[in-house]
Amino acid sequence: MKYPFLLLLFIVLVYSGCKSTGKKEIIGVDSMKVMMWDLMRADELYQRMIIKDSTVKKRKENIRLYETVFLLHKTSKGKFDTSYKYYASNPVIFKVLIDSLDAFATRERSKVFNYGQGH
């Protein structure tokens, strides 16, 4: 008798949680992982630029790089932020995103390493 009630409660909570976020506004895991990878690469590029040219900080080059990534992925900073907050507030889904990003990053690094080794 107790289990059907708990199951019904779980279904209601899951449904209401999904409904309130407006799924149209959330970037999918596959797109999000690639975008996060590109943002991390933009950060790395920015750090290298700072070493070579100290005026980069004054020109806010990091913001330009982020905007370029968002344009490349046909999204906006606002949509990215909304999606990131959604994932961060849902630990199970966030873990899926982070694990997916980690696997993607490993594959990308492997491609670069293998290319440097003569294929």
Protein backbone atom coordinates (compact mmCIF):
# COMPACT_ATOMS: atom_id res chain seq x y z
CA MET A 1 0.00 0.00 0.00
CA LYS A 2 2.87 2.34 0.79
CA TYR A 3 4.80 1.69 -2.45
CA PRO A 4 2.11 2.84 -4.94
CA PHE A 5 1.87 6.13 -3.04
CA LEU A 6 5.64 6.61 -3.14
CA LEU A 7 5.72 5.74 -6.84
CA LEU A 8 2.94 8.22 -7.56
CA LEU A 9 4.73 10.90 -5.53
CA PHE A 10 7.98 10.23 -7.41
CA ILE A 11 6.24 10.49 -10.79
CA VAL A 12 4.55 13.75 -9.81
CA LEU A 13 7.84 15.24 -8.59
CA VAL A 14 9.71 14.20 -11.73
CA TYR A 15 6.96 15.52 -13.99
CA SER A 16 6.70 18.84 -12.17
CA GLY A 17 10.49 19.22 -12.15
CA CYS A 18 10.68 18.72 -15.89
CA LYS A 19 7.72 20.95 -16.62
CA SER A 20 8.98 23.95 -14.66
CA THR A 21 12.34 24.20 -16.45
CA GLY A 22 10.89 24.64 -19.93
CA LYS A 23 12.86 21.99 -21.82
CA LYS A 24 13.04 24.24 -24.91
CA GLU A 25 15.36 26.58 -23.02
CA ILE A 26 17.81 23.87 -21.96
CA ILE A 27 20.71 22.98 -24.24
CA GLY A 28 21.04 19.21 -24.69
CA VAL A 29 23.87 17.28 -23.05
CA ASP A 30 25.65 16.55 -26.34
CA SER A 31 25.64 20.20 -27.42
CA MET A 32 26.44 21.42 -23.92
CA LYS A 33 29.53 19.21 -23.58
CA VAL A 34 30.97 20.45 -26.89
CA MET A 35 30.22 24.06 -25.96
CA MET A 36 31.86 23.63 -22.55
CA TRP A 37 34.90 22.06 -24.24
CA ASP A 38 35.15 25.02 -26.61
CA LEU A 39 34.82 27.47 -23.71
CA MET A 40 37.65 25.69 -21.88
CA ARG A 41 39.78 25.91 -25.02
CA ALA A 42 38.95 29.62 -25.27
CA ASP A 43 40.11 30.03 -21.65
CA GLU A 44 43.36 28.28 -22.47
CA LEU A 45 43.91 30.50 -25.50
CA TYR A 46 43.17 33.58 -23.39
CA GLN A 47 45.76 32.52 -20.79
CA ARG A 48 48.36 32.09 -23.53
CA MET A 49 47.47 35.50 -24.98
CA ILE A 50 47.96 37.16 -21.57
CA ILE A 51 51.48 35.76 -21.35
CA LYS A 52 52.38 37.28 -24.73
CA ASP A 53 50.47 40.56 -24.46
CA SER A 54 49.54 42.26 -21.20
CA THR A 55 47.01 44.58 -22.90
CA VAL A 56 44.73 41.59 -23.61
CA LYS A 57 43.07 41.99 -20.18
CA LYS A 58 42.23 45.63 -20.85
CA ARG A 59 40.62 44.72 -24.19
CA LYS A 60 38.50 42.06 -22.44
CA GLU A 61 39.59 39.52 -25.01
CA ASN A 62 38.15 36.65 -22.94
CA ILE A 63 34.62 38.05 -23.38
CA ARG A 64 35.15 38.27 -27.15
CA LEU A 65 36.35 34.66 -27.21
CA TYR A 66 33.29 33.48 -25.25
CA GLU A 67 30.97 35.41 -27.57
CA THR A 68 32.67 33.73 -30.53
CA VAL A 69 32.01 30.30 -28.99
CA PHE A 70 28.34 31.17 -28.42
CA LEU A 71 28.01 32.40 -32.02
CA LEU A 72 29.68 29.24 -33.29
CA HIS A 73 27.13 27.14 -31.40
CA LYS A 74 24.23 29.44 -32.39
CA THR A 75 23.25 30.23 -28.82
CA SER A 76 23.56 33.05 -26.31
CA LYS A 77 25.30 33.52 -23.00
CA GLY A 78 21.88 33.72 -21.33
CA LYS A 79 20.76 30.37 -22.75
CA PHE A 80 24.08 28.80 -21.81
CA ASP A 81 23.83 30.18 -18.25
CA THR A 82 20.24 28.96 -17.90
CA SER A 83 21.23 25.51 -19.12
CA TYR A 84 24.30 25.35 -16.88
CA LYS A 85 22.23 26.32 -13.83
CA TYR A 86 19.68 23.65 -14.72
CA TYR A 87 22.35 20.96 -14.94
CA ALA A 88 24.13 22.15 -11.80
CA SER A 89 20.88 22.04 -9.83
CA ASN A 90 20.22 18.42 -10.90
CA PRO A 91 23.17 16.36 -9.61
CA VAL A 92 22.32 13.17 -11.52
CA ILE A 93 22.02 14.97 -14.86
CA PHE A 94 25.03 17.16 -14.06
CA LYS A 95 27.12 14.02 -13.47
CA VAL A 96 26.04 12.72 -16.88
CA LEU A 97 27.11 16.02 -18.45
CA ILE A 98 30.48 16.10 -16.67
CA ASP A 99 31.20 12.43 -17.43
CA SER A 100 30.27 13.04 -21.06
CA LEU A 101 32.52 16.12 -21.18
CA ASP A 102 35.38 14.15 -19.63
CA ALA A 103 35.05 11.34 -22.18
CA PHE A 104 34.83 13.89 -25.02
CA ALA A 105 37.91 15.74 -23.76
CA THR A 106 39.84 12.47 -23.51
CA ARG A 107 38.95 11.60 -27.12
CA GLU A 108 39.90 15.07 -28.34
CA ARG A 109 43.24 15.01 -26.53
CA SER A 110 43.87 11.53 -27.90
CA LYS A 111 43.28 12.79 -31.46
CA VAL A 112 45.81 15.58 -30.96
CA PHE A 113 48.35 13.20 -29.41
CA ASN A 114 47.88 10.57 -32.13
CA TYR A 115 48.15 13.21 -34.86
CA GLY A 116 51.45 14.38 -33.36
CA GLN A 117 52.71 10.80 -33.42
CA GLY A 118 52.26 10.51 -37.16
CA HIS A 119 48.73 9.09 -36.99
